[in-house]
Amino acid sequence: MCKKNILIIDDDEISLLILQNAFKMHNFNVTITTDSKNAVQLFNTLKADAVIVDILMPNKNGFSIIADIYMLKPNCPIIAISATEKYLTKIKHLKHPKILAINKIIHPETIVQCMLSLL
């Protein structure tokens, strides 16, 4: 199986590094960014197979990023993360089979396993 390219977008650099390490341990090619404004352009450039995106970020929020990625690649697996349950609930209401909402205060291995189930 070839390595999957995953893009992780979060304004919290510590969260980025933790998730980056977790996905690298599972043989993913991982790109991380805190630049929410240019995240969709980076997604296109990388031809990412999957995305993890924080909902609350400066410049461009996760909802907008998810909508833009959905327009480009409707079946792209996306995990939206947030520490705020009301935002996760909004994502869950989309009821899209390739979009999950997960509390970011969770063990990173759980997020990896959820992504593997989407791929």
C-alpha atoms as a PDB file:
ATOM      1  CA  MET A   1       0.000   0.000   0.000  1.00  0.00           C
ATOM      2  CA  CYS A   2       1.412   3.405  -0.937  1.00  0.00           C
ATOM      3  CA  LYS A   3       1.774   6.116   1.643  1.00  0.00           C
ATOM      4  CA  LYS A   4      -1.202   8.427   2.007  1.00  0.00           C
ATOM      5  CA  ASN A   5      -0.683  12.178   2.060  1.00  0.00           C
ATOM      6  CA  ILE A   6      -2.401  13.886   4.951  1.00  0.00           C
ATOM      7  CA  LEU A   7      -2.693  17.608   5.601  1.00  0.00           C
ATOM      8  CA  ILE A   8      -3.166  18.735   9.200  1.00  0.00           C
ATOM      9  CA  ILE A   9      -4.357  22.307   9.767  1.00  0.00           C
ATOM     10  CA  ASP A  10      -4.370  23.795  13.263  1.00  0.00           C
ATOM     11  CA  ASP A  11      -3.307  27.077  14.831  1.00  0.00           C
ATOM     12  CA  ASP A  12      -1.967  25.190  17.864  1.00  0.00           C
ATOM     13  CA  GLU A  13       1.590  24.142  17.025  1.00  0.00           C
ATOM     14  CA  ILE A  14       1.777  21.623  19.867  1.00  0.00           C
ATOM     15  CA  SER A  15      -1.330  19.831  18.596  1.00  0.00           C
ATOM     16  CA  LEU A  16       0.162  19.815  15.103  1.00  0.00           C
ATOM     17  CA  LEU A  17       3.381  18.179  16.267  1.00  0.00           C
ATOM     18  CA  ILE A  18       1.558  15.560  18.340  1.00  0.00           C
ATOM     19  CA  LEU A  19      -0.699  14.595  15.427  1.00  0.00           C
ATOM     20  CA  GLN A  20       2.195  14.707  12.965  1.00  0.00           C
ATOM     21  CA  ASN A  21       4.153  12.206  15.052  1.00  0.00           C
ATOM     22  CA  ALA A  22       1.136   9.924  15.490  1.00  0.00           C
ATOM     23  CA  PHE A  23       0.445   9.771  11.741  1.00  0.00           C
ATOM     24  CA  LYS A  24       4.109   9.330  10.813  1.00  0.00           C
ATOM     25  CA  MET A  25       4.201   6.280  13.101  1.00  0.00           C
ATOM     26  CA  HIS A  26       1.493   4.842  10.815  1.00  0.00           C
ATOM     27  CA  ASN A  27       3.510   5.526   7.669  1.00  0.00           C
ATOM     28  CA  PHE A  28       1.621   8.611   6.439  1.00  0.00           C
ATOM     29  CA  ASN A  29       3.270  11.452   4.541  1.00  0.00           C
ATOM     30  CA  VAL A  30       2.320  14.358   6.798  1.00  0.00           C
ATOM     31  CA  THR A  31       2.222  18.066   6.050  1.00  0.00           C
ATOM     32  CA  ILE A  32       1.293  20.452   8.841  1.00  0.00           C
ATOM     33  CA  THR A  33       0.314  24.096   8.671  1.00  0.00           C
ATOM     34  CA  THR A  34      -0.930  26.865  10.932  1.00  0.00           C
ATOM     35  CA  ASP A  35      -1.848  28.948   7.871  1.00  0.00           C
ATOM     36  CA  SER A  36      -5.604  28.535   7.633  1.00  0.00           C
ATOM     37  CA  LYS A  37      -5.869  31.262   5.001  1.00  0.00           C
ATOM     38  CA  ASN A  38      -3.836  29.285   2.447  1.00  0.00           C
ATOM     39  CA  ALA A  39      -4.740  25.771   3.601  1.00  0.00           C
ATOM     40  CA  VAL A  40      -6.972  24.940   0.624  1.00  0.00           C
ATOM     41  CA  GLN A  41      -4.297  26.030  -1.825  1.00  0.00           C
ATOM     42  CA  LEU A  42      -1.813  23.817   0.036  1.00  0.00           C
ATOM     43  CA  PHE A  43      -4.331  20.942  -0.104  1.00  0.00           C
ATOM     44  CA  ASN A  44      -4.467  21.318  -3.889  1.00  0.00           C
ATOM     45  CA  THR A  45      -0.703  21.584  -4.274  1.00  0.00           C
ATOM     46  CA  LEU A  46      -0.088  18.477  -2.158  1.00  0.00           C
ATOM     47  CA  LYS A  47      -2.931  16.522  -3.717  1.00  0.00           C
ATOM     48  CA  ALA A  48      -3.680  15.420  -0.163  1.00  0.00           C
ATOM     49  CA  ASP A  49      -5.588  12.197   0.364  1.00  0.00           C
ATOM     50  CA  ALA A  50      -7.064  13.300   3.690  1.00  0.00           C
ATOM     51  CA  VAL A  51      -7.329  16.318   5.983  1.00  0.00           C
ATOM     52  CA  ILE A  52      -7.513  17.036   9.680  1.00  0.00           C
ATOM     53  CA  VAL A  53      -8.669  20.551  10.410  1.00  0.00           C
ATOM     54  CA  ASP A  54      -9.281  22.505  13.592  1.00  0.00           C
ATOM     55  CA  ILE A  55     -12.585  24.366  13.555  1.00  0.00           C
ATOM     56  CA  LEU A  56     -11.613  27.531  15.430  1.00  0.00           C
ATOM     57  CA  MET A  57      -8.703  29.305  13.769  1.00  0.00           C
ATOM     58  CA  PRO A  58      -7.816  32.870  12.884  1.00  0.00           C
ATOM     59  CA  ASN A  59      -8.236  34.157   9.306  1.00  0.00           C
ATOM     60  CA  LYS A  60     -10.293  31.234   7.994  1.00  0.00           C
ATOM     61  CA  ASN A  61     -12.251  28.799  10.133  1.00  0.00           C
ATOM     62  CA  GLY A  62     -12.493  25.064   9.697  1.00  0.00           C
ATOM     63  CA  PHE A  63     -16.071  25.223   8.408  1.00  0.00           C
ATOM     64  CA  SER A  64     -14.924  27.299   5.408  1.00  0.00           C
ATOM     65  CA  ILE A  65     -11.940  25.053   4.783  1.00  0.00           C
ATOM     66  CA  ILE A  66     -14.137  21.938   4.853  1.00  0.00           C
ATOM     67  CA  ALA A  67     -16.606  23.536   2.410  1.00  0.00           C
ATOM     68  CA  ASP A  68     -13.816  24.516   0.006  1.00  0.00           C
ATOM     69  CA  ILE A  69     -12.184  21.075   0.126  1.00  0.00           C
ATOM     70  CA  TYR A  70     -15.574  19.410  -0.351  1.00  0.00           C
ATOM     71  CA  MET A  71     -16.077  21.442  -3.542  1.00  0.00           C
ATOM     72  CA  LEU A  72     -12.684  20.283  -4.856  1.00  0.00           C
ATOM     73  CA  LYS A  73     -12.795  16.661  -3.709  1.00  0.00           C
ATOM     74  CA  PRO A  74     -16.231  15.604  -2.376  1.00  0.00           C
ATOM     75  CA  ASN A  75     -15.087  12.220  -1.045  1.00  0.00           C
ATOM     76  CA  CYS A  76     -11.952  13.439   0.706  1.00  0.00           C
ATOM     77  CA  PRO A  77     -11.787  12.021   4.235  1.00  0.00           C
ATOM     78  CA  ILE A  78     -11.859  14.923   6.687  1.00  0.00           C
ATOM     79  CA  ILE A  79     -11.627  14.916  10.449  1.00  0.00           C
ATOM     80  CA  ALA A  80     -12.732  18.157  12.058  1.00  0.00           C
ATOM     81  CA  ILE A  81     -11.300  18.687  15.533  1.00  0.00           C
ATOM     82  CA  SER A  82     -12.300  21.106  18.248  1.00  0.00           C
ATOM     83  CA  ALA A  83     -12.374  21.336  22.012  1.00  0.00           C
ATOM     84  CA  THR A  84     -15.813  22.974  21.742  1.00  0.00           C
ATOM     85  CA  GLU A  85     -18.696  20.518  21.506  1.00  0.00           C
ATOM     86  CA  LYS A  86     -21.159  22.936  19.835  1.00  0.00           C
ATOM     87  CA  TYR A  87     -18.872  23.194  16.788  1.00  0.00           C
ATOM     88  CA  LEU A  88     -18.448  19.439  16.618  1.00  0.00           C
ATOM     89  CA  THR A  89     -22.219  19.048  16.706  1.00  0.00           C
ATOM     90  CA  LYS A  90     -22.551  21.309  13.648  1.00  0.00           C
ATOM     91  CA  ILE A  91     -20.110  19.097  11.748  1.00  0.00           C
ATOM     92  CA  LYS A  92     -21.952  15.939  12.859  1.00  0.00           C
ATOM     93  CA  HIS A  93     -25.181  17.388  11.434  1.00  0.00           C
ATOM     94  CA  LEU A  94     -23.617  17.303   7.957  1.00  0.00           C
ATOM     95  CA  LYS A  95     -24.021  13.507   8.088  1.00  0.00           C
ATOM     96  CA  HIS A  96     -21.363  13.039   5.444  1.00  0.00           C
ATOM     97  CA  PRO A  97     -19.821   9.540   5.490  1.00  0.00           C
ATOM     98  CA  LYS A  98     -16.272  10.881   4.965  1.00  0.00           C
ATOM     99  CA  ILE A  99     -16.395  13.740   7.496  1.00  0.00           C
ATOM    100  CA  LEU A 100     -15.955  13.037  11.201  1.00  0.00           C
ATOM    101  CA  ALA A 101     -16.013  15.424  14.142  1.00  0.00           C
ATOM    102  CA  ILE A 102     -13.749  14.567  17.064  1.00  0.00           C
ATOM    103  CA  ASN A 103     -12.914  16.349  20.281  1.00  0.00           C
ATOM    104  CA  LYS A 104      -9.291  17.424  19.994  1.00  0.00           C
ATOM    105  CA  ILE A 105      -8.698  16.611  23.658  1.00  0.00           C
ATOM    106  CA  ILE A 106      -8.328  12.933  22.891  1.00  0.00           C
ATOM    107  CA  HIS A 107      -5.459  10.504  22.471  1.00  0.00           C
ATOM    108  CA  PRO A 108      -3.889  11.066  19.021  1.00  0.00           C
ATOM    109  CA  GLU A 109      -3.981   7.328  18.285  1.00  0.00           C
ATOM    110  CA  THR A 110      -7.799   7.529  18.363  1.00  0.00           C
ATOM    111  CA  ILE A 111      -7.699  10.199  15.658  1.00  0.00           C
ATOM    112  CA  VAL A 112      -5.333   8.037  13.580  1.00  0.00           C
ATOM    113  CA  GLN A 113      -7.649   5.038  13.895  1.00  0.00           C
ATOM    114  CA  CYS A 114     -10.654   7.143  12.879  1.00  0.00           C
ATOM    115  CA  MET A 115      -8.796   8.370   9.792  1.00  0.00           C
ATOM    116  CA  LEU A 116      -7.795   4.829   8.870  1.00  0.00           C
ATOM    117  CA  SER A 117     -11.466   3.863   9.010  1.00  0.00           C
ATOM    118  CA  LEU A 118     -12.307   6.659   6.551  1.00  0.00           C
ATOM    119  CA  LEU A 119      -9.620   5.813   4.000  1.00  0.00           C
END
